[in-house]
Protein backbone atom coordinates (compact mmCIF):
# COMPACT_ATOMS: atom_id res chain seq x y z
CA MET A 1 6.62 15.21 -4.42
CA PRO A 2 6.84 12.40 -1.87
CA LYS A 3 9.33 9.61 -2.56
CA ILE A 4 7.94 6.10 -2.13
CA LYS A 5 10.03 2.95 -1.67
CA VAL A 6 8.09 -0.30 -2.11
CA ILE A 7 9.70 -3.54 -0.93
CA ASN A 8 7.91 -6.64 -2.22
CA THR A 9 8.32 -9.26 0.53
CA GLU A 10 7.37 -12.10 -1.82
CA THR A 11 9.94 -11.41 -4.57
CA ASP A 12 12.46 -9.25 -2.63
CA GLU A 13 12.21 -6.61 -5.37
CA THR A 14 12.52 -2.94 -4.45
CA PHE A 15 10.89 -0.12 -6.37
CA GLU A 16 11.46 3.60 -5.84
CA PHE A 17 9.32 6.28 -7.41
CA LYS A 18 7.74 9.65 -6.72
CA ALA A 19 4.04 10.44 -6.51
CA GLY A 20 2.06 13.62 -6.13
CA TYR A 21 1.12 14.97 -2.70
CA GLY A 22 -2.00 13.10 -1.54
CA ALA A 23 -1.64 10.37 -4.20
CA ASN A 24 -3.24 6.97 -3.70
CA LEU A 25 -0.52 4.40 -2.94
CA ARG A 26 -2.11 1.48 -4.83
CA GLN A 27 -2.66 3.52 -7.98
CA ALA A 28 0.84 5.05 -7.87
CA ALA A 29 2.48 1.66 -7.27
CA LEU A 30 0.62 -0.07 -10.10
CA TYR A 31 1.39 2.85 -12.45
CA ASN A 32 5.11 2.41 -11.66
CA ASP A 33 4.99 -1.42 -12.02
CA ALA A 34 5.45 -1.99 -8.27
CA GLU A 35 3.28 -4.86 -7.05
CA VAL A 36 1.32 -4.53 -3.80
CA TYR A 37 -0.43 -7.90 -4.06
CA LYS A 38 0.86 -11.39 -3.27
CA GLY A 39 0.48 -14.30 -5.72
CA LEU A 40 -2.89 -14.68 -7.42
CA ASN A 41 -4.26 -11.72 -5.50
CA LYS A 42 -2.77 -9.65 -8.30
CA PHE A 43 -5.76 -10.82 -10.35
CA LEU A 44 -8.27 -11.71 -7.61
CA ASN A 45 -8.83 -8.49 -5.71
CA CYS A 46 -11.50 -5.82 -5.26
CA ARG A 47 -9.73 -3.30 -7.56
CA GLY A 48 -9.16 -0.75 -4.82
CA THR A 49 -12.54 -0.54 -3.12
CA GLY A 50 -11.20 -1.65 0.29
CA LEU A 51 -13.36 -4.75 0.57
CA CYS A 52 -10.93 -7.66 0.14
CA ALA A 53 -7.94 -6.56 2.30
CA LYS A 54 -5.48 -8.24 -0.07
CA CYS A 55 -3.37 -5.07 -0.42
CA VAL A 56 -2.31 -4.92 3.24
CA VAL A 57 1.03 -3.14 3.56
CA GLU A 58 3.31 -2.05 6.40
CA VAL A 59 4.16 1.65 6.23
CA GLU A 60 6.99 3.63 7.82
CA PRO A 61 6.65 6.36 8.98
CA MET A 62 2.89 6.40 9.60
CA GLU A 63 2.96 10.19 10.07
CA ASN A 64 3.38 10.65 6.30
CA VAL A 65 0.11 8.95 5.36
CA ASN A 66 -3.55 9.56 6.20
CA GLY A 67 -5.12 8.21 9.38
CA ARG A 68 -7.13 5.03 9.87
CA THR A 69 -10.04 4.58 7.49
CA PHE A 70 -13.38 2.86 8.00
CA PHE A 71 -12.28 -0.20 5.99
CA GLU A 72 -9.02 -0.56 7.95
CA LYS A 73 -11.00 -0.57 11.18
CA ILE A 74 -13.41 -3.22 9.83
CA HIS A 75 -10.53 -5.51 8.77
CA LYS A 76 -8.91 -5.03 12.21
CA LEU A 77 -5.43 -4.36 10.89
CA GLU A 78 -2.50 -3.94 13.26
CA ASP A 79 -1.34 -0.40 14.10
CA HIS A 80 1.57 -0.48 11.65
CA GLN A 81 -0.55 -1.87 8.77
CA LYS A 82 -2.83 -0.15 6.25
CA LEU A 83 -4.70 -1.04 3.09
CA GLY A 84 -2.68 0.06 0.07
CA CYS A 85 -5.85 1.15 -1.71
CA ARG A 86 -6.82 3.48 1.16
CA ILE A 87 -3.45 5.21 1.66
CA LYS A 88 -2.95 8.85 0.73
CA VAL A 89 0.74 9.77 0.68
CA TYR A 90 1.79 13.09 2.23
CA GLY A 91 5.54 12.53 2.63
CA ASP A 92 8.41 10.10 1.98
CA ILE A 93 7.53 6.53 3.00
CA THR A 94 8.86 2.98 2.90
CA VAL A 95 6.29 0.26 2.26
CA LYS A 96 6.53 -3.51 2.77
CA ALA A 97 4.05 -4.97 0.31
CA ALA A 98 2.70 -8.41 -0.71
CA ILE A 99 2.17 -9.60 2.85
CA ALA A 100 -1.52 -10.63 2.69
CA ASP A 101 -2.55 -14.10 1.50
């Protein structure tokens, strides 16, 4: 089971939990009370469909998650950024969350 460390850049809180191989990052984080959204985006988001880009996170190492998705290409994210709702976890990762306004 991959170990996930989520660092909330807005509140400086750190959450560590495990998720199943291939688990969705957004769903796993919310299940473990780790917040991936910033401010009111916690309530005003697309609920994981990839349309709003409010769950942008920075992931290290990128080798332990799936490749670029269609929605990440549309939103023109930087190379080290992904949408939390589109990430499938395949190994231990560290995530900086709550960076999108």
